[in-house]
């Protein structure tokens, strides 16, 4: 059993539940809409399955989440009322990080799979053509085996993040470094500026190219005014 702080203060008791390693990020995944174990893992690719199972059990025991049988018969999780009350707290931590943590430090923590997964959750389908659209991202600074990722947007089925070629005709190729795409996603710079500087190359349907800043959708913290460089 994890040692506690042995203080009656509510801050102490809350942090015993919420501040163990990875726990705030697991809660972040629920707030972003994940409900299944594998989806949570895709949002936390560096967290071991064993530790994730442990944290889920702890959160369920604490009444933050509840497990249910999903429509397909598989196990799913939902935030309880207590868990939902954590939304402004967790999002507030994210806003603080966006405002005060130096951007260079943030951009040292690059992960292409996490970036694509986050992007797929925020993609604005309404700004794309009303048909299936395939977007390919080529991160030119990575090893060849890890350069290519896809987002497939369909008005009927939503958005899918693909780490292998889905086999569709590509409507837009986006070629840039992982750092450049992450900076755009975080709201640290714009598509237009990166394109003007030659750090991103967009090849494809003009309608999709010109509207990229609109359909891309950005991090929920992208509009937070930055105080750190």
C-alpha atoms as a PDB file:
ATOM      1  CA  UNK A   1       0.000   0.000   0.000  1.00  0.00           C
ATOM      2  CA  UNK A   2       1.300   3.454  -0.905  1.00  0.00           C
ATOM      3  CA  UNK A   3       2.354   5.579   2.074  1.00  0.00           C
ATOM      4  CA  UNK A   4       0.107   8.574   2.664  1.00  0.00           C
ATOM      5  CA  UNK A   5       0.764  11.996   4.138  1.00  0.00           C
ATOM      6  CA  UNK A   6      -1.074  11.255   7.395  1.00  0.00           C
ATOM      7  CA  UNK A   7      -2.731  14.675   7.443  1.00  0.00           C
ATOM      8  CA  UNK A   8      -6.438  15.413   7.842  1.00  0.00           C
ATOM      9  CA  UNK A   9      -6.209  18.344   5.380  1.00  0.00           C
ATOM     10  CA  UNK A  10      -8.474  17.765   2.323  1.00  0.00           C
ATOM     11  CA  UNK A  11      -5.585  18.796   0.037  1.00  0.00           C
ATOM     12  CA  UNK A  12      -3.501  16.004   1.557  1.00  0.00           C
ATOM     13  CA  UNK A  13      -6.266  13.414   1.177  1.00  0.00           C
ATOM     14  CA  UNK A  14      -7.016  14.441  -2.411  1.00  0.00           C
ATOM     15  CA  UNK A  15      -3.381  14.336  -3.482  1.00  0.00           C
ATOM     16  CA  UNK A  16      -3.032  10.816  -2.072  1.00  0.00           C
ATOM     17  CA  UNK A  17      -5.585   9.763  -4.687  1.00  0.00           C
ATOM     18  CA  UNK A  18      -4.826  12.084  -7.577  1.00  0.00           C
ATOM     19  CA  UNK A  19      -1.112  12.829  -7.558  1.00  0.00           C
ATOM     20  CA  UNK A  20       0.500   9.429  -8.002  1.00  0.00           C
ATOM     21  CA  UNK A  21       2.555   9.055 -11.174  1.00  0.00           C
ATOM     22  CA  UNK A  22       0.429   9.028 -14.368  1.00  0.00           C
ATOM     23  CA  UNK A  23      -2.878   9.442 -12.514  1.00  0.00           C
ATOM     24  CA  UNK A  24      -3.591  13.041 -13.654  1.00  0.00           C
ATOM     25  CA  UNK A  25      -2.882  11.985 -17.239  1.00  0.00           C
ATOM     26  CA  UNK A  26      -5.220   9.002 -16.972  1.00  0.00           C
ATOM     27  CA  UNK A  27      -7.918  11.415 -15.803  1.00  0.00           C
ATOM     28  CA  UNK A  28      -7.007  13.709 -18.715  1.00  0.00           C
ATOM     29  CA  UNK A  29      -7.727  10.826 -21.097  1.00  0.00           C
ATOM     30  CA  UNK A  30     -11.210  10.390 -19.655  1.00  0.00           C
ATOM     31  CA  UNK A  31     -11.837  14.126 -19.943  1.00  0.00           C
ATOM     32  CA  UNK A  32     -10.789  13.912 -23.612  1.00  0.00           C
ATOM     33  CA  UNK A  33     -13.394  11.215 -24.252  1.00  0.00           C
ATOM     34  CA  UNK A  34     -11.525   7.919 -23.912  1.00  0.00           C
ATOM     35  CA  UNK A  35     -13.581   5.133 -22.361  1.00  0.00           C
ATOM     36  CA  UNK A  36     -11.726   1.919 -23.251  1.00  0.00           C
ATOM     37  CA  UNK A  37      -8.438   0.541 -21.987  1.00  0.00           C
ATOM     38  CA  UNK A  38      -6.757   0.479 -25.401  1.00  0.00           C
ATOM     39  CA  UNK A  39      -7.822   4.037 -26.211  1.00  0.00           C
ATOM     40  CA  UNK A  40      -6.404   5.268 -22.917  1.00  0.00           C
ATOM     41  CA  UNK A  41      -3.166   3.465 -23.759  1.00  0.00           C
ATOM     42  CA  UNK A  42      -2.970   5.206 -27.138  1.00  0.00           C
ATOM     43  CA  UNK A  43      -3.159   8.513 -25.331  1.00  0.00           C
ATOM     44  CA  UNK A  44      -0.458   7.343 -22.896  1.00  0.00           C
ATOM     45  CA  UNK A  45       1.849   5.275 -25.131  1.00  0.00           C
ATOM     46  CA  UNK A  46       4.726   5.259 -22.620  1.00  0.00           C
ATOM     47  CA  UNK A  47       2.661   3.985 -19.708  1.00  0.00           C
ATOM     48  CA  UNK A  48       2.868   0.247 -19.123  1.00  0.00           C
ATOM     49  CA  UNK A  49      -0.386  -1.767 -19.344  1.00  0.00           C
ATOM     50  CA  UNK A  50       0.250  -3.155 -15.860  1.00  0.00           C
ATOM     51  CA  UNK A  51       0.535   0.294 -14.307  1.00  0.00           C
ATOM     52  CA  UNK A  52      -2.505   1.550 -16.213  1.00  0.00           C
ATOM     53  CA  UNK A  53      -4.562  -1.357 -14.849  1.00  0.00           C
ATOM     54  CA  UNK A  54      -3.367  -0.489 -11.347  1.00  0.00           C
ATOM     55  CA  UNK A  55      -4.258   3.180 -11.703  1.00  0.00           C
ATOM     56  CA  UNK A  56      -7.707   2.352 -13.090  1.00  0.00           C
ATOM     57  CA  UNK A  57      -8.360   0.082 -10.125  1.00  0.00           C
ATOM     58  CA  UNK A  58      -7.265   2.834  -7.736  1.00  0.00           C
ATOM     59  CA  UNK A  59      -9.482   5.429  -9.401  1.00  0.00           C
ATOM     60  CA  UNK A  60     -12.448   3.081  -9.356  1.00  0.00           C
ATOM     61  CA  UNK A  61     -11.893   2.294  -5.670  1.00  0.00           C
ATOM     62  CA  UNK A  62     -11.753   6.041  -4.976  1.00  0.00           C
ATOM     63  CA  UNK A  63     -15.073   6.602  -6.775  1.00  0.00           C
ATOM     64  CA  UNK A  64     -13.554   8.710  -9.569  1.00  0.00           C
ATOM     65  CA  UNK A  65     -14.521   6.282 -12.337  1.00  0.00           C
ATOM     66  CA  UNK A  66     -16.885   3.350 -12.718  1.00  0.00           C
ATOM     67  CA  UNK A  67     -16.503   0.337 -15.012  1.00  0.00           C
ATOM     68  CA  UNK A  68     -19.424  -0.820 -17.159  1.00  0.00           C
ATOM     69  CA  UNK A  69     -20.071  -3.277 -19.972  1.00  0.00           C
ATOM     70  CA  UNK A  70     -19.960  -1.430 -23.285  1.00  0.00           C
ATOM     71  CA  UNK A  71     -22.281  -1.933 -26.248  1.00  0.00           C
ATOM     72  CA  UNK A  72     -19.853  -4.450 -27.769  1.00  0.00           C
ATOM     73  CA  UNK A  73     -19.664  -6.373 -24.503  1.00  0.00           C
ATOM     74  CA  UNK A  74     -16.180  -5.125 -23.681  1.00  0.00           C
ATOM     75  CA  UNK A  75     -15.306  -3.319 -20.457  1.00  0.00           C
ATOM     76  CA  UNK A  76     -15.522   0.463 -20.531  1.00  0.00           C
ATOM     77  CA  UNK A  77     -15.040   3.220 -17.984  1.00  0.00           C
ATOM     78  CA  UNK A  78     -16.974   6.369 -17.212  1.00  0.00           C
ATOM     79  CA  UNK A  79     -16.240   9.309 -14.962  1.00  0.00           C
ATOM     80  CA  UNK A  80     -18.497   9.552 -11.947  1.00  0.00           C
ATOM     81  CA  UNK A  81     -19.853  12.869 -10.690  1.00  0.00           C
ATOM     82  CA  UNK A  82     -16.741  13.087  -8.515  1.00  0.00           C
ATOM     83  CA  UNK A  83     -14.541  12.420 -11.539  1.00  0.00           C
ATOM     84  CA  UNK A  84     -16.288  15.010 -13.679  1.00  0.00           C
ATOM     85  CA  UNK A  85     -15.685  17.618 -10.974  1.00  0.00           C
ATOM     86  CA  UNK A  86     -11.974  17.214 -11.692  1.00  0.00           C
ATOM     87  CA  UNK A  87     -12.389  18.741 -15.164  1.00  0.00           C
ATOM     88  CA  UNK A  88     -11.646  22.376 -14.229  1.00  0.00           C
ATOM     89  CA  UNK A  89      -8.787  21.230 -12.008  1.00  0.00           C
ATOM     90  CA  UNK A  90      -7.022  19.121 -14.633  1.00  0.00           C
ATOM     91  CA  UNK A  91      -7.694  21.590 -17.433  1.00  0.00           C
ATOM     92  CA  UNK A  92      -6.471  24.367 -15.162  1.00  0.00           C
ATOM     93  CA  UNK A  93      -3.183  22.519 -14.669  1.00  0.00           C
ATOM     94  CA  UNK A  94      -2.878  22.245 -18.463  1.00  0.00           C
ATOM     95  CA  UNK A  95      -3.589  25.949 -18.897  1.00  0.00           C
ATOM     96  CA  UNK A  96      -0.953  26.788 -16.284  1.00  0.00           C
ATOM     97  CA  UNK A  97       1.578  24.604 -18.119  1.00  0.00           C
ATOM     98  CA  UNK A  98       0.803  26.270 -21.437  1.00  0.00           C
ATOM     99  CA  UNK A  99       1.124  29.729 -19.895  1.00  0.00           C
ATOM    100  CA  UNK A 100       4.192  29.294 -17.720  1.00  0.00           C
ATOM    101  CA  UNK A 101       6.299  26.329 -18.906  1.00  0.00           C
ATOM    102  CA  UNK A 102       8.901  27.366 -21.452  1.00  0.00           C
ATOM    103  CA  UNK A 103       7.886  26.220 -24.943  1.00  0.00           C
ATOM    104  CA  UNK A 104      11.366  24.878 -25.675  1.00  0.00           C
ATOM    105  CA  UNK A 105      10.990  22.486 -22.761  1.00  0.00           C
ATOM    106  CA  UNK A 106       7.556  21.372 -23.962  1.00  0.00           C
ATOM    107  CA  UNK A 107       8.881  20.752 -27.458  1.00  0.00           C
ATOM    108  CA  UNK A 108      11.623  18.498 -26.112  1.00  0.00           C
ATOM    109  CA  UNK A 109       8.922  15.929 -25.323  1.00  0.00           C
ATOM    110  CA  UNK A 110       7.963  14.858 -28.844  1.00  0.00           C
ATOM    111  CA  UNK A 111       5.949  11.741 -29.621  1.00  0.00           C
ATOM    112  CA  UNK A 112       4.461  11.231 -33.109  1.00  0.00           C
ATOM    113  CA  UNK A 113       1.895   8.635 -32.047  1.00  0.00           C
ATOM    114  CA  UNK A 114       0.609  10.782 -29.202  1.00  0.00           C
ATOM    115  CA  UNK A 115       0.466  13.834 -31.495  1.00  0.00           C
ATOM    116  CA  UNK A 116      -1.588  11.998 -34.131  1.00  0.00           C
ATOM    117  CA  UNK A 117      -3.875  10.560 -31.458  1.00  0.00           C
ATOM    118  CA  UNK A 118      -4.466  14.021 -29.974  1.00  0.00           C
ATOM    119  CA  UNK A 119      -4.999  15.538 -33.415  1.00  0.00           C
ATOM    120  CA  UNK A 120      -7.607  12.936 -34.326  1.00  0.00           C
ATOM    121  CA  UNK A 121      -9.642  13.887 -31.257  1.00  0.00           C
ATOM    122  CA  UNK A 122      -9.757  17.566 -32.190  1.00  0.00           C
ATOM    123  CA  UNK A 123     -10.067  17.427 -35.991  1.00  0.00           C
ATOM    124  CA  UNK A 124     -12.841  19.711 -37.220  1.00  0.00           C
ATOM    125  CA  UNK A 125     -14.715  17.615 -39.787  1.00  0.00           C
ATOM    126  CA  UNK A 126     -17.072  20.499 -40.584  1.00  0.00           C
ATOM    127  CA  UNK A 127     -14.168  22.376 -42.224  1.00  0.00           C
ATOM    128  CA  UNK A 128     -13.358  19.432 -44.515  1.00  0.00           C
ATOM    129  CA  UNK A 129     -15.201  18.291 -47.670  1.00  0.00           C
ATOM    130  CA  UNK A 130     -18.349  16.273 -46.862  1.00  0.00           C
ATOM    131  CA  UNK A 131     -16.808  12.960 -47.921  1.00  0.00           C
ATOM    132  CA  UNK A 132     -14.096  10.655 -46.698  1.00  0.00           C
ATOM    133  CA  UNK A 133     -10.791  12.541 -46.535  1.00  0.00           C
ATOM    134  CA  UNK A 134      -7.362  10.964 -46.037  1.00  0.00           C
ATOM    135  CA  UNK A 135      -4.560  13.111 -44.633  1.00  0.00           C
ATOM    136  CA  UNK A 136      -0.980  11.832 -44.568  1.00  0.00           C
ATOM    137  CA  UNK A 137       1.625  13.337 -42.250  1.00  0.00           C
ATOM    138  CA  UNK A 138       5.294  12.731 -43.059  1.00  0.00           C
ATOM    139  CA  UNK A 139       7.645  13.705 -40.242  1.00  0.00           C
ATOM    140  CA  UNK A 140      10.856  14.154 -42.155  1.00  0.00           C
ATOM    141  CA  UNK A 141      13.167  14.284 -39.137  1.00  0.00           C
ATOM    142  CA  UNK A 142      12.275  10.779 -37.923  1.00  0.00           C
ATOM    143  CA  UNK A 143      13.674   7.430 -38.986  1.00  0.00           C
ATOM    144  CA  UNK A 144      12.013   6.211 -42.196  1.00  0.00           C
ATOM    145  CA  UNK A 145      10.063   3.495 -40.384  1.00  0.00           C
ATOM    146  CA  UNK A 146       8.414   6.098 -38.121  1.00  0.00           C
ATOM    147  CA  UNK A 147       7.820   8.946 -40.571  1.00  0.00           C
ATOM    148  CA  UNK A 148       4.315   8.231 -41.858  1.00  0.00           C
ATOM    149  CA  UNK A 149       0.971   8.647 -40.104  1.00  0.00           C
ATOM    150  CA  UNK A 150      -2.575   9.144 -41.358  1.00  0.00           C
ATOM    151  CA  UNK A 151      -5.842  10.711 -40.273  1.00  0.00           C
ATOM    152  CA  UNK A 152      -8.986   9.503 -42.027  1.00  0.00           C
ATOM    153  CA  UNK A 153     -12.048  11.702 -41.595  1.00  0.00           C
ATOM    154  CA  UNK A 154     -15.469  10.421 -42.597  1.00  0.00           C
ATOM    155  CA  UNK A 155     -18.761  12.282 -42.028  1.00  0.00           C
ATOM    156  CA  UNK A 156     -20.425   8.976 -41.132  1.00  0.00           C
ATOM    157  CA  UNK A 157     -17.848   7.241 -38.930  1.00  0.00           C
ATOM    158  CA  UNK A 158     -15.814  10.146 -37.560  1.00  0.00           C
ATOM    159  CA  UNK A 159     -12.024  10.432 -37.438  1.00  0.00           C
ATOM    160  CA  UNK A 160      -9.566   7.554 -37.267  1.00  0.00           C
ATOM    161  CA  UNK A 161      -5.870   7.781 -36.361  1.00  0.00           C
ATOM    162  CA  UNK A 162      -3.816   5.344 -38.443  1.00  0.00           C
ATOM    163  CA  UNK A 163      -0.232   4.296 -37.778  1.00  0.00           C
ATOM    164  CA  UNK A 164      -0.227   2.070 -40.868  1.00  0.00           C
ATOM    165  CA  UNK A 165      -1.306   2.952 -44.403  1.00  0.00           C
ATOM    166  CA  UNK A 166      -5.122   2.683 -44.497  1.00  0.00           C
ATOM    167  CA  UNK A 167      -5.011   2.157 -48.260  1.00  0.00           C
ATOM    168  CA  UNK A 168      -7.048   5.196 -49.307  1.00  0.00           C
ATOM    169  CA  UNK A 169      -6.154   7.829 -51.873  1.00  0.00           C
ATOM    170  CA  UNK A 170      -4.459  10.669 -50.031  1.00  0.00           C
ATOM    171  CA  UNK A 171      -6.106  14.095 -50.276  1.00  0.00           C
ATOM    172  CA  UNK A 172      -3.296  15.965 -48.540  1.00  0.00           C
ATOM    173  CA  UNK A 173       0.373  15.256 -47.841  1.00  0.00           C
ATOM    174  CA  UNK A 174       1.834  17.235 -44.944  1.00  0.00           C
ATOM    175  CA  UNK A 175       5.647  17.150 -44.830  1.00  0.00           C
ATOM    176  CA  UNK A 176       7.463  18.754 -41.915  1.00  0.00           C
ATOM    177  CA  UNK A 177       9.441  17.969 -38.812  1.00  0.00           C
ATOM    178  CA  UNK A 178       7.660  16.511 -35.808  1.00  0.00           C
ATOM    179  CA  UNK A 179       8.689  19.588 -33.846  1.00  0.00           C
ATOM    180  CA  UNK A 180       7.028  21.930 -36.364  1.00  0.00           C
ATOM    181  CA  UNK A 181       3.741  19.998 -36.355  1.00  0.00           C
ATOM    182  CA  UNK A 182       3.736  19.800 -32.567  1.00  0.00           C
ATOM    183  CA  UNK A 183       4.331  23.562 -32.304  1.00  0.00           C
ATOM    184  CA  UNK A 184       1.395  24.207 -34.652  1.00  0.00           C
ATOM    185  CA  UNK A 185      -0.832  21.830 -32.688  1.00  0.00           C
ATOM    186  CA  UNK A 186       0.091  23.546 -29.419  1.00  0.00           C
ATOM    187  CA  UNK A 187      -0.696  26.963 -30.882  1.00  0.00           C
ATOM    188  CA  UNK A 188       2.918  28.125 -30.644  1.00  0.00           C
ATOM    189  CA  UNK A 189       2.915  29.000 -34.344  1.00  0.00           C
ATOM    190  CA  UNK A 190       0.622  28.893 -37.373  1.00  0.00           C
ATOM    191  CA  UNK A 191       0.409  26.804 -40.521  1.00  0.00           C
ATOM    192  CA  UNK A 192       0.869  29.924 -42.663  1.00  0.00           C
ATOM    193  CA  UNK A 193       4.061  31.013 -40.913  1.00  0.00           C
ATOM    194  CA  UNK A 194       5.584  27.536 -41.091  1.00  0.00           C
ATOM    195  CA  UNK A 195       4.671  27.308 -44.778  1.00  0.00           C
ATOM    196  CA  UNK A 196       6.099  30.759 -45.558  1.00  0.00           C
ATOM    197  CA  UNK A 197       9.314  29.809 -43.757  1.00  0.00           C
ATOM    198  CA  UNK A 198       9.583  26.584 -45.773  1.00  0.00           C
ATOM    199  CA  UNK A 199       9.293  24.385 -42.703  1.00  0.00           C
ATOM    200  CA  UNK A 200       6.093  22.680 -43.843  1.00  0.00           C
ATOM    201  CA  UNK A 201       5.127  21.545 -47.339  1.00  0.00           C
ATOM    202  CA  UNK A 202       1.459  20.931 -48.164  1.00  0.00           C
ATOM    203  CA  UNK A 203       0.583  18.982 -51.302  1.00  0.00           C
ATOM    204  CA  UNK A 204      -2.983  18.146 -52.206  1.00  0.00           C
ATOM    205  CA  UNK A 205      -6.500  19.414 -52.765  1.00  0.00           C
ATOM    206  CA  UNK A 206      -6.466  23.214 -52.656  1.00  0.00           C
ATOM    207  CA  UNK A 207      -9.661  23.371 -50.611  1.00  0.00           C
ATOM    208  CA  UNK A 208      -8.062  21.253 -47.901  1.00  0.00           C
ATOM    209  CA  UNK A 209      -4.660  22.961 -48.077  1.00  0.00           C
ATOM    210  CA  UNK A 210      -6.016  26.487 -47.674  1.00  0.00           C
ATOM    211  CA  UNK A 211      -8.281  25.545 -44.749  1.00  0.00           C
ATOM    212  CA  UNK A 212      -5.721  23.546 -42.767  1.00  0.00           C
ATOM    213  CA  UNK A 213      -5.584  25.970 -39.828  1.00  0.00           C
ATOM    214  CA  UNK A 214      -9.373  25.643 -39.503  1.00  0.00           C
ATOM    215  CA  UNK A 215      -9.848  21.869 -39.871  1.00  0.00           C
ATOM    216  CA  UNK A 216      -6.740  20.915 -37.948  1.00  0.00           C
ATOM    217  CA  UNK A 217      -8.236  21.777 -34.599  1.00  0.00           C
ATOM    218  CA  UNK A 218      -5.664  22.601 -31.965  1.00  0.00           C
ATOM    219  CA  UNK A 219      -4.784  21.626 -28.426  1.00  0.00           C
ATOM    220  CA  UNK A 220      -7.499  22.773 -26.009  1.00  0.00           C
ATOM    221  CA  UNK A 221      -4.780  24.920 -24.424  1.00  0.00           C
ATOM    222  CA  UNK A 222      -3.674  26.593 -27.663  1.00  0.00           C
ATOM    223  CA  UNK A 223      -5.569  29.803 -26.924  1.00  0.00           C
ATOM    224  CA  UNK A 224      -4.004  30.279 -23.487  1.00  0.00           C
ATOM    225  CA  UNK A 225      -1.865  33.411 -23.421  1.00  0.00           C
ATOM    226  CA  UNK A 226       1.765  32.458 -22.879  1.00  0.00           C
ATOM    227  CA  UNK A 227       3.922  34.114 -20.240  1.00  0.00           C
ATOM    228  CA  UNK A 228       6.963  31.837 -20.759  1.00  0.00           C
ATOM    229  CA  UNK A 229       9.131  31.899 -23.887  1.00  0.00           C
END
